[in-house]
PDB file of N, CA and C in Angstrom:
ATOM      1  N   MET A   1       0.965  -1.389   0.256  1.00  0.00           N
ATOM      2  CA  MET A   1       0.244   0.137   0.094  1.00  0.00           C
ATOM      3  C   MET A   1       0.802   1.186  -0.048  1.00  0.00           C
ATOM      4  N   THR A   2       0.719   2.495  -0.961  1.00  0.00           N
ATOM      5  CA  THR A   2       1.420   3.421  -0.711  1.00  0.00           C
ATOM      6  C   THR A   2       0.652   4.415  -0.692  1.00  0.00           C
ATOM      7  N   ILE A   3       0.537   5.537  -0.352  1.00  0.00           N
ATOM      8  CA  ILE A   3      -0.166   7.270  -0.255  1.00  0.00           C
ATOM      9  C   ILE A   3       0.926   8.047  -0.881  1.00  0.00           C
ATOM     10  N   PRO A   4       0.226   9.061  -2.075  1.00  0.00           N
ATOM     11  CA  PRO A   4       0.735   9.642  -2.581  1.00  0.00           C
ATOM     12  C   PRO A   4       1.523  11.202  -1.955  1.00  0.00           C
ATOM     13  N   ALA A   5       2.600  11.574  -1.897  1.00  0.00           N
ATOM     14  CA  ALA A   5       3.177  12.404  -0.873  1.00  0.00           C
ATOM     15  C   ALA A   5       2.722  14.171  -1.721  1.00  0.00           C
ATOM     16  N   PRO A   6       2.029  14.590  -0.780  1.00  0.00           N
ATOM     17  CA  PRO A   6       1.188  15.908  -1.948  1.00  0.00           C
ATOM     18  C   PRO A   6       2.683  17.428  -2.016  1.00  0.00           C
ATOM     19  N   ALA A   7       2.301  17.956  -3.113  1.00  0.00           N
ATOM     20  CA  ALA A   7       3.374  18.294  -3.995  1.00  0.00           C
ATOM     21  C   ALA A   7       3.761  19.479  -2.931  1.00  0.00           C
ATOM     22  N   GLY A   8       5.005  19.575  -2.673  1.00  0.00           N
ATOM     23  CA  GLY A   8       6.213  20.231  -1.919  1.00  0.00           C
ATOM     24  C   GLY A   8       6.463  20.023  -0.427  1.00  0.00           C
ATOM     25  N   VAL A   9       6.164  18.766  -0.388  1.00  0.00           N
ATOM     26  CA  VAL A   9       6.803  17.820   0.582  1.00  0.00           C
ATOM     27  C   VAL A   9       7.535  16.982   0.156  1.00  0.00           C
ATOM     28  N   SER A  10       8.682  17.273   1.347  1.00  0.00           N
ATOM     29  CA  SER A  10       9.829  16.524   1.056  1.00  0.00           C
ATOM     30  C   SER A  10      10.372  15.663   2.316  1.00  0.00           C
ATOM     31  N   THR A  11      11.054  14.492   1.814  1.00  0.00           N
ATOM     32  CA  THR A  11      11.770  13.685   3.047  1.00  0.00           C
ATOM     33  C   THR A  11      12.649  14.099   3.724  1.00  0.00           C
ATOM     34  N   PRO A  12      12.719  13.787   4.921  1.00  0.00           N
ATOM     35  CA  PRO A  12      13.677  14.108   5.928  1.00  0.00           C
ATOM     36  C   PRO A  12      15.043  14.749   5.522  1.00  0.00           C
ATOM     37  N   GLU A  13      15.323  13.891   4.469  1.00  0.00           N
ATOM     38  CA  GLU A  13      16.391  14.192   3.685  1.00  0.00           C
ATOM     39  C   GLU A  13      16.854  15.079   2.944  1.00  0.00           C
ATOM     40  N   GLY A  14      15.516  15.545   2.499  1.00  0.00           N
ATOM     41  CA  GLY A  14      15.318  16.951   1.329  1.00  0.00           C
ATOM     42  C   GLY A  14      14.768  16.369   0.391  1.00  0.00           C
ATOM     43  N   ILE A  15      14.818  15.165  -0.356  1.00  0.00           N
ATOM     44  CA  ILE A  15      14.376  14.512  -1.424  1.00  0.00           C
ATOM     45  C   ILE A  15      12.917  14.710  -1.392  1.00  0.00           C
ATOM     46  N   ARG A  16      12.653  15.451  -2.960  1.00  0.00           N
ATOM     47  CA  ARG A  16      11.109  16.097  -3.001  1.00  0.00           C
ATOM     48  C   ARG A  16      10.987  15.704  -4.456  1.00  0.00           C
ATOM     49  N   VAL A  17       9.982  16.207  -5.669  1.00  0.00           N
ATOM     50  CA  VAL A  17       9.730  15.796  -6.432  1.00  0.00           C
ATOM     51  C   VAL A  17      10.767  17.080  -7.401  1.00  0.00           C
ATOM     52  N   GLY A  18      11.324  16.657  -8.229  1.00  0.00           N
ATOM     53  CA  GLY A  18      12.635  18.001  -8.621  1.00  0.00           C
ATOM     54  C   GLY A  18      13.468  17.310  -8.917  1.00  0.00           C
ATOM     55  N   SER A  19      13.898  16.771  -7.241  1.00  0.00           N
ATOM     56  CA  SER A  19      15.485  16.151  -6.737  1.00  0.00           C
ATOM     57  C   SER A  19      16.000  15.312  -8.020  1.00  0.00           C
ATOM     58  N   THR A  20      17.234  15.109  -8.093  1.00  0.00           N
ATOM     59  CA  THR A  20      17.897  14.278  -9.287  1.00  0.00           C
ATOM     60  C   THR A  20      17.999  12.816  -8.500  1.00  0.00           C
ATOM     61  N   VAL A  21      18.216  11.960  -9.594  1.00  0.00           N
ATOM     62  CA  VAL A  21      18.938  10.759  -9.091  1.00  0.00           C
ATOM     63  C   VAL A  21      20.022  10.686  -8.629  1.00  0.00           C
ATOM     64  N   ARG A  22      20.649  11.285  -8.733  1.00  0.00           N
ATOM     65  CA  ARG A  22      21.689  11.177  -7.702  1.00  0.00           C
ATOM     66  C   ARG A  22      22.002  11.713  -6.337  1.00  0.00           C
ATOM     67  N   GLN A  23      20.687  12.816  -6.033  1.00  0.00           N
ATOM     68  CA  GLN A  23      20.413  13.230  -4.995  1.00  0.00           C
ATOM     69  C   GLN A  23      20.125  11.981  -4.018  1.00  0.00           C
ATOM     70  N   VAL A  24      18.917  11.016  -4.876  1.00  0.00           N
ATOM     71  CA  VAL A  24      18.053  10.122  -3.756  1.00  0.00           C
ATOM     72  C   VAL A  24      19.406   9.347  -3.752  1.00  0.00           C
ATOM     73  N   ARG A  25      19.856   8.862  -4.583  1.00  0.00           N
ATOM     74  CA  ARG A  25      21.259   7.706  -4.588  1.00  0.00           C
ATOM     75  C   ARG A  25      21.821   8.290  -3.272  1.00  0.00           C
ATOM     76  N   ASP A  26      22.632   9.698  -3.132  1.00  0.00           N
ATOM     77  CA  ASP A  26      23.404  10.087  -2.187  1.00  0.00           C
ATOM     78  C   ASP A  26      22.548   9.943  -0.933  1.00  0.00           C
ATOM     79  N   ALA A  27      21.465  10.032  -0.446  1.00  0.00           N
ATOM     80  CA  ALA A  27      20.546  10.291   0.339  1.00  0.00           C
ATOM     81  C   ALA A  27      20.099   9.095   0.988  1.00  0.00           C
ATOM     82  N   TYR A  28      19.835   8.284   0.203  1.00  0.00           N
ATOM     83  CA  TYR A  28      19.591   6.729   0.748  1.00  0.00           C
ATOM     84  C   TYR A  28      20.490   5.373   0.033  1.00  0.00           C
ATOM     85  N   SER A  29      21.438   5.305   1.321  1.00  0.00           N
ATOM     86  CA  SER A  29      22.140   3.955   0.770  1.00  0.00           C
ATOM     87  C   SER A  29      21.617   2.534   0.362  1.00  0.00           C
ATOM     88  N   ASP A  30      20.254   2.348   0.934  1.00  0.00           N
ATOM     89  CA  ASP A  30      19.482   1.183   0.565  1.00  0.00           C
ATOM     90  C   ASP A  30      19.006   1.228   0.042  1.00  0.00           C
ATOM     91  N   LEU A  31      18.622   1.991  -1.189  1.00  0.00           N
ATOM     92  CA  LEU A  31      18.030   1.906  -2.280  1.00  0.00           C
ATOM     93  C   LEU A  31      18.097   0.493  -3.156  1.00  0.00           C
ATOM     94  N   GLU A  32      16.649  -0.071  -3.662  1.00  0.00           N
ATOM     95  CA  GLU A  32      16.420  -1.272  -4.461  1.00  0.00           C
ATOM     96  C   GLU A  32      15.451  -0.699  -5.694  1.00  0.00           C
ATOM     97  N   GLY A  33      15.234  -1.978  -6.668  1.00  0.00           N
ATOM     98  CA  GLY A  33      14.657  -1.254  -7.446  1.00  0.00           C
ATOM     99  C   GLY A  33      15.737  -0.784  -8.804  1.00  0.00           C
ATOM    100  N   ASP A  34      14.970  -0.229  -9.698  1.00  0.00           N
ATOM    101  CA  ASP A  34      15.274   0.339 -10.806  1.00  0.00           C
ATOM    102  C   ASP A  34      14.548   1.872 -11.403  1.00  0.00           C
ATOM    103  N   GLU A  35      15.786   2.587 -11.638  1.00  0.00           N
ATOM    104  CA  GLU A  35      14.903   3.744 -12.191  1.00  0.00           C
ATOM    105  C   GLU A  35      13.852   4.145 -13.181  1.00  0.00           C
ATOM    106  N   SER A  36      13.776   3.057 -13.863  1.00  0.00           N
ATOM    107  CA  SER A  36      12.603   2.942 -15.047  1.00  0.00           C
ATOM    108  C   SER A  36      11.409   2.487 -14.064  1.00  0.00           C
ATOM    109  N   ILE A  37      11.534   2.023 -13.339  1.00  0.00           N
ATOM    110  CA  ILE A  37      10.331   1.435 -12.717  1.00  0.00           C
ATOM    111  C   ILE A  37       9.698   2.196 -11.536  1.00  0.00           C
ATOM    112  N   GLY A  38      10.829   2.350 -10.692  1.00  0.00           N
ATOM    113  CA  GLY A  38      10.868   2.799  -9.094  1.00  0.00           C
ATOM    114  C   GLY A  38      12.223   2.449  -8.565  1.00  0.00           C
ATOM    115  N   LEU A  39      12.457   3.570  -7.503  1.00  0.00           N
ATOM    116  CA  LEU A  39      13.653   3.094  -6.596  1.00  0.00           C
ATOM    117  C   LEU A  39      12.972   3.408  -4.536  1.00  0.00           C
ATOM    118  N   TYR A  40      12.758   2.164  -4.141  1.00  0.00           N
ATOM    119  CA  TYR A  40      12.932   2.253  -3.124  1.00  0.00           C
ATOM    120  C   TYR A  40      13.545   2.123  -1.608  1.00  0.00           C
ATOM    121  N   ALA A  41      13.217   2.992  -0.749  1.00  0.00           N
ATOM    122  CA  ALA A  41      14.442   3.053   0.449  1.00  0.00           C
ATOM    123  C   ALA A  41      13.716   2.919   1.733  1.00  0.00           C
ATOM    124  N   ASN A  42      13.992   2.652   2.695  1.00  0.00           N
ATOM    125  CA  ASN A  42      13.715   2.318   3.859  1.00  0.00           C
ATOM    126  C   ASN A  42      13.584   3.355   4.415  1.00  0.00           C
ATOM    127  N   GLN A  43      12.198   3.881   5.049  1.00  0.00           N
ATOM    128  CA  GLN A  43      11.949   4.918   5.852  1.00  0.00           C
ATOM    129  C   GLN A  43      12.520   5.050   7.736  1.00  0.00           C
ATOM    130  N   ASN A  44      12.422   3.801   8.218  1.00  0.00           N
ATOM    131  CA  ASN A  44      12.343   3.993   9.172  1.00  0.00           C
ATOM    132  C   ASN A  44      13.197   2.007   9.427  1.00  0.00           C
ATOM    133  N   ASP A  45      14.470   2.265  10.350  1.00  0.00           N
ATOM    134  CA  ASP A  45      15.013   0.953  10.687  1.00  0.00           C
ATOM    135  C   ASP A  45      13.988   0.231  11.566  1.00  0.00           C
ATOM    136  N   GLY A  46      13.798  -1.214  11.228  1.00  0.00           N
ATOM    137  CA  GLY A  46      13.485  -2.301  12.177  1.00  0.00           C
ATOM    138  C   GLY A  46      11.339  -2.406  11.626  1.00  0.00           C
ATOM    139  N   ASP A  47      11.208  -1.226  10.974  1.00  0.00           N
ATOM    140  CA  ASP A  47       9.949  -1.552  10.165  1.00  0.00           C
ATOM    141  C   ASP A  47       9.950  -1.932   8.535  1.00  0.00           C
ATOM    142  N   ASP A  48       8.400  -2.049   7.828  1.00  0.00           N
ATOM    143  CA  ASP A  48       8.676  -1.933   7.067  1.00  0.00           C
ATOM    144  C   ASP A  48       8.000  -1.042   5.864  1.00  0.00           C
ATOM    145  N   SER A  49       8.019   0.288   6.806  1.00  0.00           N
ATOM    146  CA  SER A  49       7.958   1.231   6.132  1.00  0.00           C
ATOM    147  C   SER A  49       8.894   1.836   5.159  1.00  0.00           C
ATOM    148  N   ARG A  50       8.870   2.320   4.000  1.00  0.00           N
ATOM    149  CA  ARG A  50       9.322   2.919   2.982  1.00  0.00           C
ATOM    150  C   ARG A  50       8.979   4.089   1.984  1.00  0.00           C
ATOM    151  N   TYR A  51       9.710   4.631   1.401  1.00  0.00           N
ATOM    152  CA  TYR A  51       9.909   5.750   0.414  1.00  0.00           C
ATOM    153  C   TYR A  51       9.914   5.103  -1.375  1.00  0.00           C
ATOM    154  N   GLU A  52       8.542   5.648  -1.832  1.00  0.00           N
ATOM    155  CA  GLU A  52       9.039   4.936  -3.236  1.00  0.00           C
ATOM    156  C   GLU A  52       9.198   6.105  -3.993  1.00  0.00           C
ATOM    157  N   PHE A  53       9.808   6.148  -5.168  1.00  0.00           N
ATOM    158  CA  PHE A  53      10.542   7.200  -5.881  1.00  0.00           C
ATOM    159  C   PHE A  53      10.263   6.979  -7.503  1.00  0.00           C
ATOM    160  N   HIS A  54       9.491   7.762  -8.088  1.00  0.00           N
ATOM    161  CA  HIS A  54       9.280   7.877  -9.489  1.00  0.00           C
ATOM    162  C   HIS A  54       9.983   8.676 -10.473  1.00  0.00           C
ATOM    163  N   PHE A  55      10.489   8.499 -11.335  1.00  0.00           N
ATOM    164  CA  PHE A  55      11.767   9.275 -12.256  1.00  0.00           C
ATOM    165  C   PHE A  55      11.314   9.431 -14.180  1.00  0.00           C
ATOM    166  N   ARG A  56      11.209  10.581 -14.319  1.00  0.00           N
ATOM    167  CA  ARG A  56      11.050  10.779 -15.682  1.00  0.00           C
ATOM    168  C   ARG A  56      12.656  12.069 -15.706  1.00  0.00           C
ATOM    169  N   LYS A  57      13.555  11.215 -17.142  1.00  0.00           N
ATOM    170  CA  LYS A  57      14.349  12.283 -17.439  1.00  0.00           C
ATOM    171  C   LYS A  57      15.492  12.500 -16.250  1.00  0.00           C
ATOM    172  N   GLY A  58      15.548  11.408 -15.685  1.00  0.00           N
ATOM    173  CA  GLY A  58      16.437  11.759 -14.159  1.00  0.00           C
ATOM    174  C   GLY A  58      16.015  12.574 -12.901  1.00  0.00           C
ATOM    175  N   ALA A  59      14.824  13.048 -12.927  1.00  0.00           N
ATOM    176  CA  ALA A  59      14.312  13.544 -11.667  1.00  0.00           C
ATOM    177  C   ALA A  59      13.537  12.945 -11.045  1.00  0.00           C
ATOM    178  N   VAL A  60      13.009  13.088  -9.980  1.00  0.00           N
ATOM    179  CA  VAL A  60      11.864  12.884  -9.244  1.00  0.00           C
ATOM    180  C   VAL A  60      10.670  13.349  -9.511  1.00  0.00           C
ATOM    181  N   VAL A  61       9.464  12.793 -10.237  1.00  0.00           N
ATOM    182  CA  VAL A  61       8.187  13.250 -10.649  1.00  0.00           C
ATOM    183  C   VAL A  61       7.047  12.894  -9.606  1.00  0.00           C
ATOM    184  N   ALA A  62       7.295  11.530  -8.671  1.00  0.00           N
ATOM    185  CA  ALA A  62       6.378  11.341  -8.153  1.00  0.00           C
ATOM    186  C   ALA A  62       6.712  10.405  -6.386  1.00  0.00           C
ATOM    187  N   LEU A  63       6.833  10.717  -5.389  1.00  0.00           N
ATOM    188  CA  LEU A  63       7.137  10.110  -4.339  1.00  0.00           C
ATOM    189  C   LEU A  63       6.162   9.397  -3.240  1.00  0.00           C
ATOM    190  N   PHE A  64       6.361   8.632  -3.031  1.00  0.00           N
ATOM    191  CA  PHE A  64       5.036   8.176  -2.272  1.00  0.00           C
ATOM    192  C   PHE A  64       5.731   7.775  -0.846  1.00  0.00           C
ATOM    193  N   VAL A  65       4.430   7.229   0.195  1.00  0.00           N
ATOM    194  CA  VAL A  65       5.262   6.606   1.339  1.00  0.00           C
ATOM    195  C   VAL A  65       4.238   5.304   1.492  1.00  0.00           C
ATOM    196  N   GLY A  66       4.865   4.224   1.972  1.00  0.00           N
ATOM    197  CA  GLY A  66       4.106   3.002   2.101  1.00  0.00           C
ATOM    198  C   GLY A  66       4.758   2.048   3.043  1.00  0.00           C
ATOM    199  N   ARG A  67       4.008   0.627   3.111  1.00  0.00           N
ATOM    200  CA  ARG A  67       4.510  -0.390   3.490  1.00  0.00           C
ATOM    201  C   ARG A  67       4.864  -1.481   2.892  1.00  0.00           C
ATOM    202  N   THR A  68       5.980  -2.279   3.001  1.00  0.00           N
ATOM    203  CA  THR A  68       5.992  -3.447   2.030  1.00  0.00           C
ATOM    204  C   THR A  68       4.769  -4.482   2.375  1.00  0.00           C
ATOM    205  N   ALA A  69       4.218  -4.342   3.694  1.00  0.00           N
ATOM    206  CA  ALA A  69       3.140  -5.506   3.680  1.00  0.00           C
ATOM    207  C   ALA A  69       1.836  -4.330   4.678  1.00  0.00           C
ATOM    208  N   ALA A  70       0.517  -4.556   4.199  1.00  0.00           N
ATOM    209  CA  ALA A  70      -0.475  -3.788   4.326  1.00  0.00           C
ATOM    210  C   ALA A  70      -1.182  -5.090   5.732  1.00  0.00           C
ATOM    211  N   ASP A  71      -1.639  -4.619   6.838  1.00  0.00           N
ATOM    212  CA  ASP A  71      -2.735  -5.495   7.493  1.00  0.00           C
ATOM    213  C   ASP A  71      -4.050  -4.517   7.165  1.00  0.00           C
ATOM    214  N   CYS A  72      -4.932  -5.033   6.493  1.00  0.00           N
ATOM    215  CA  CYS A  72      -6.099  -4.869   6.352  1.00  0.00           C
ATOM    216  C   CYS A  72      -7.397  -5.514   7.117  1.00  0.00           C
ATOM    217  N   GLY A  73      -6.909  -6.074   7.662  1.00  0.00           N
ATOM    218  CA  GLY A  73      -8.066  -7.018   8.564  1.00  0.00           C
ATOM    219  C   GLY A  73      -8.208  -6.451   9.893  1.00  0.00           C
TER     220      GLY A  73
END
């Protein structure tokens, strides 16, 4: 489950829509995924929350906050 970040919101590390791929890579050493489909970074140690970054032409165009597992029950 993911929730889109509102316009103008940044992560505590300063990543926001418009940040470059290099800035995201510098801010998060634990990135997973691929720039063409999205990069994922852990949000907090010890839980399954994460950031999801989508790119176009080398810049973030969408930022999401989510969990790798959702308990909807």
